[in-house]
C-alpha atoms as a PDB file:
ATOM      1  CA  MET A   1       0.093  -0.418  -0.199  1.00  0.00           C
ATOM      2  CA  ALA A   2       1.007   3.186  -1.280  1.00  0.00           C
ATOM      3  CA  ASP A   3       2.104   5.886   1.809  1.00  0.00           C
ATOM      4  CA  GLN A   4      -1.340   8.275   2.147  1.00  0.00           C
ATOM      5  CA  VAL A   5       0.488  12.076   0.807  1.00  0.00           C
ATOM      6  CA  ASN A   6       0.177  14.926   2.503  1.00  0.00           C
ATOM      7  CA  TRP A   7      -1.268  17.555   1.052  1.00  0.00           C
ATOM      8  CA  THR A   8      -0.466  20.305   3.845  1.00  0.00           C
ATOM      9  CA  ALA A   9       3.102  19.584   3.289  1.00  0.00           C
ATOM     10  CA  GLU A  10       3.082  19.733   0.180  1.00  0.00           C
ATOM     11  CA  ARG A  11       0.949  23.008  -0.421  1.00  0.00           C
ATOM     12  CA  ALA A  12       3.547  24.488   2.125  1.00  0.00           C
ATOM     13  CA  LYS A  13       6.827  23.441   0.671  1.00  0.00           C
ATOM     14  CA  GLU A  14       5.111  24.627  -3.499  1.00  0.00           C
ATOM     15  CA  HIS A  15       4.005  28.457  -1.912  1.00  0.00           C
ATOM     16  CA  ASN A  16       7.904  28.457   0.157  1.00  0.00           C
ATOM     17  CA  LEU A  17       5.633  28.265   3.425  1.00  0.00           C
ATOM     18  CA  PRO A  18       7.222  27.214   6.009  1.00  0.00           C
ATOM     19  CA  PRO A  19       7.275  23.394   7.422  1.00  0.00           C
ATOM     20  CA  GLN A  20       4.920  21.733  10.083  1.00  0.00           C
ATOM     21  CA  GLY A  21       6.376  22.657  13.665  1.00  0.00           C
ATOM     22  CA  LYS A  22       8.551  20.095  16.269  1.00  0.00           C
ATOM     23  CA  ASP A  23       5.541  21.328  18.519  1.00  0.00           C
ATOM     24  CA  GLU A  24       3.248  22.557  16.035  1.00  0.00           C
ATOM     25  CA  SER A  25       0.052  20.070  15.832  1.00  0.00           C
ATOM     26  CA  ASP A  26      -1.281  19.023  12.295  1.00  0.00           C
ATOM     27  CA  LYS A  27      -4.588  20.851  12.677  1.00  0.00           C
ATOM     28  CA  ALA A  28      -2.828  23.842  13.575  1.00  0.00           C
ATOM     29  CA  PHE A  29      -0.452  23.053  10.405  1.00  0.00           C
ATOM     30  CA  ARG A  30      -3.542  22.864   8.523  1.00  0.00           C
ATOM     31  CA  PHE A  31      -5.168  26.417   9.816  1.00  0.00           C
ATOM     32  CA  ARG A  32      -1.461  28.134   9.634  1.00  0.00           C
ATOM     33  CA  ILE A  33      -0.589  26.530   6.367  1.00  0.00           C
ATOM     34  CA  SER A  34      -4.858  27.724   4.195  1.00  0.00           C
ATOM     35  CA  SER A  35      -5.375  30.815   6.211  1.00  0.00           C
ATOM     36  CA  ALA A  36      -1.033  32.079   4.531  1.00  0.00           C
ATOM     37  CA  LEU A  37      -3.056  30.670   0.412  1.00  0.00           C
ATOM     38  CA  ARG A  38      -6.237  32.151   1.357  1.00  0.00           C
ATOM     39  CA  ASP A  39      -4.270  35.934   1.982  1.00  0.00           C
ATOM     40  CA  MET A  40      -1.811  35.019  -0.606  1.00  0.00           C
ATOM     41  CA  GLY A  41      -5.242  34.745  -2.897  1.00  0.00           C
ATOM     42  CA  PHE A  42      -4.504  30.932  -2.977  1.00  0.00           C
ATOM     43  CA  PRO A  43      -8.588  29.497  -1.721  1.00  0.00           C
ATOM     44  CA  ILE A  44      -8.533  25.983  -4.246  1.00  0.00           C
ATOM     45  CA  GLU A  45      -4.986  25.289  -2.990  1.00  0.00           C
ATOM     46  CA  ALA A  46      -5.980  26.833   1.248  1.00  0.00           C
ATOM     47  CA  HIS A  47      -8.202  24.569   1.251  1.00  0.00           C
ATOM     48  CA  GLU A  48      -6.876  21.251  -0.191  1.00  0.00           C
ATOM     49  CA  ALA A  49      -4.008  22.320   2.846  1.00  0.00           C
ATOM     50  CA  TYR A  50      -6.818  22.322   5.363  1.00  0.00           C
ATOM     51  CA  CYS A  51      -8.195  19.161   4.437  1.00  0.00           C
ATOM     52  CA  ASN A  52      -5.115  17.664   3.248  1.00  0.00           C
ATOM     53  CA  ALA A  53      -6.444  16.554  -0.034  1.00  0.00           C
ATOM     54  CA  LEU A  54      -6.995  17.506  -3.558  1.00  0.00           C
ATOM     55  CA  TYR A  55     -10.564  18.826  -4.790  1.00  0.00           C
ATOM     56  CA  ASP A  56     -11.179  17.077  -6.856  1.00  0.00           C
ATOM     57  CA  GLN A  57     -11.457  13.687  -3.982  1.00  0.00           C
ATOM     58  CA  SER A  58     -12.807  15.414  -0.737  1.00  0.00           C
ATOM     59  CA  GLN A  59     -16.668  16.701  -0.916  1.00  0.00           C
ATOM     60  CA  ASP A  60     -15.100  18.434   2.001  1.00  0.00           C
ATOM     61  CA  VAL A  61     -12.190  21.071  -0.341  1.00  0.00           C
ATOM     62  CA  LEU A  62     -15.714  20.911  -3.133  1.00  0.00           C
ATOM     63  CA  THR A  63     -17.903  21.970  -0.312  1.00  0.00           C
ATOM     64  CA  ALA A  64     -15.753  25.026   1.079  1.00  0.00           C
ATOM     65  CA  LEU A  65     -15.308  26.061  -2.650  1.00  0.00           C
ATOM     66  CA  TYR A  66     -18.783  26.160  -2.659  1.00  0.00           C
ATOM     67  CA  GLY A  67     -18.673  29.101   0.058  1.00  0.00           C
ATOM     68  CA  VAL A  68     -15.087  30.708  -1.862  1.00  0.00           C
ATOM     69  CA  VAL A  69     -17.738  31.312  -5.157  1.00  0.00           C
ATOM     70  CA  THR A  70     -20.984  32.210  -3.622  1.00  0.00           C
ATOM     71  CA  GLN A  71     -18.820  34.660  -0.644  1.00  0.00           C
ATOM     72  CA  GLU A  72     -16.699  35.947  -4.138  1.00  0.00           C
ATOM     73  CA  THR A  73     -20.147  38.363  -4.691  1.00  0.00           C
ATOM     74  CA  LYS A  74     -19.624  39.649  -1.098  1.00  0.00           C
ATOM     75  CA  ARG A  75     -15.928  42.198  -0.467  1.00  0.00           C
ATOM     76  CA  ASP A  76     -16.704  43.113   3.478  1.00  0.00           C
ATOM     77  CA  TYR A  77     -16.334  40.420   4.771  1.00  0.00           C
ATOM     78  CA  GLY A  78     -14.169  39.104   7.804  1.00  0.00           C
ATOM     79  CA  GLN A  79     -10.477  41.183   8.031  1.00  0.00           C
ATOM     80  CA  THR A  80      -8.016  38.851   6.161  1.00  0.00           C
ATOM     81  CA  ASP A  81      -8.005  36.517   4.191  1.00  0.00           C
ATOM     82  CA  GLY A  82      -7.440  33.750   6.012  1.00  0.00           C
ATOM     83  CA  GLU A  83     -10.658  34.713   8.457  1.00  0.00           C
ATOM     84  CA  ARG A  84     -12.255  33.367   5.420  1.00  0.00           C
ATOM     85  CA  VAL A  85     -11.096  29.321   5.697  1.00  0.00           C
ATOM     86  CA  GLY A  86     -13.700  29.280   8.037  1.00  0.00           C
ATOM     87  CA  ASP A  87     -15.896  30.933   6.886  1.00  0.00           C
ATOM     88  CA  ASP A  88     -15.469  29.938   3.899  1.00  0.00           C
ATOM     89  CA  ILE A  89     -16.612  26.216   4.597  1.00  0.00           C
ATOM     90  CA  ALA A  90     -19.786  27.080   6.466  1.00  0.00           C
ATOM     91  CA  THR A  91     -21.242  29.202   3.894  1.00  0.00           C
ATOM     92  CA  GLY A  92     -20.557  25.913   1.528  1.00  0.00           C
ATOM     93  CA  ILE A  93     -22.604  23.546   3.953  1.00  0.00           C
ATOM     94  CA  VAL A  94     -26.062  25.877   3.173  1.00  0.00           C
ATOM     95  CA  VAL A  95     -25.303  26.489  -0.486  1.00  0.00           C
ATOM     96  CA  ARG A  96     -24.996  22.967  -0.805  1.00  0.00           C
ATOM     97  CA  THR A  97     -27.829  21.614   1.905  1.00  0.00           C
ATOM     98  CA  PRO A  98     -31.216  20.548  -0.493  1.00  0.00           C
ATOM     99  CA  ALA A  99     -33.354  24.175   0.112  1.00  0.00           C
ATOM    100  CA  ARG A 100     -35.633  21.420   1.927  1.00  0.00           C
ATOM    101  CA  GLU A 101     -33.259  20.665   3.824  1.00  0.00           C
ATOM    102  CA  VAL A 102     -32.623  23.922   5.032  1.00  0.00           C
ATOM    103  CA  ASP A 103     -32.893  25.202   8.821  1.00  0.00           C
ATOM    104  CA  PRO A 104     -35.119  28.881   8.587  1.00  0.00           C
ATOM    105  CA  MET A 105     -33.066  29.256  11.580  1.00  0.00           C
ATOM    106  CA  ALA A 106     -29.546  28.302  10.440  1.00  0.00           C
ATOM    107  CA  MET A 107     -30.175  30.212   7.095  1.00  0.00           C
ATOM    108  CA  LEU A 108     -30.944  33.717   9.639  1.00  0.00           C
ATOM    109  CA  LEU A 109     -27.470  32.610  11.616  1.00  0.00           C
ATOM    110  CA  ALA A 110     -25.505  32.635   7.836  1.00  0.00           C
ATOM    111  CA  ALA A 111     -26.719  35.965   6.712  1.00  0.00           C
ATOM    112  CA  PHE A 112     -24.762  37.118  10.189  1.00  0.00           C
ATOM    113  CA  LEU A 113     -22.434  35.428   9.035  1.00  0.00           C
ATOM    114  CA  ARG A 114     -20.779  39.428   7.204  1.00  0.00           C
END
């Protein structure tokens, strides 16, 4: 069986970002790299790093990318692009959920994400 590729480390290397620190957790590393990539204007790579998977191999990455596209219609959210990582995921979940399954309260809360 082939070794699993660490896509977070690959994205860090590709964009000359510092590798995972000795005492840095996997979660902290994924967040640091994804935030840096989002700040640099690479949303696809940011979510691949966050999910440690390629966009065409992960529903989680695709969901986040739906959120990226949806949020691009609104430019006044988050103080930095790095903060958009979580917003992308939340928006993607709302956008991909069929209307008949959306809780009206969840839609109201989503409207206040900005």
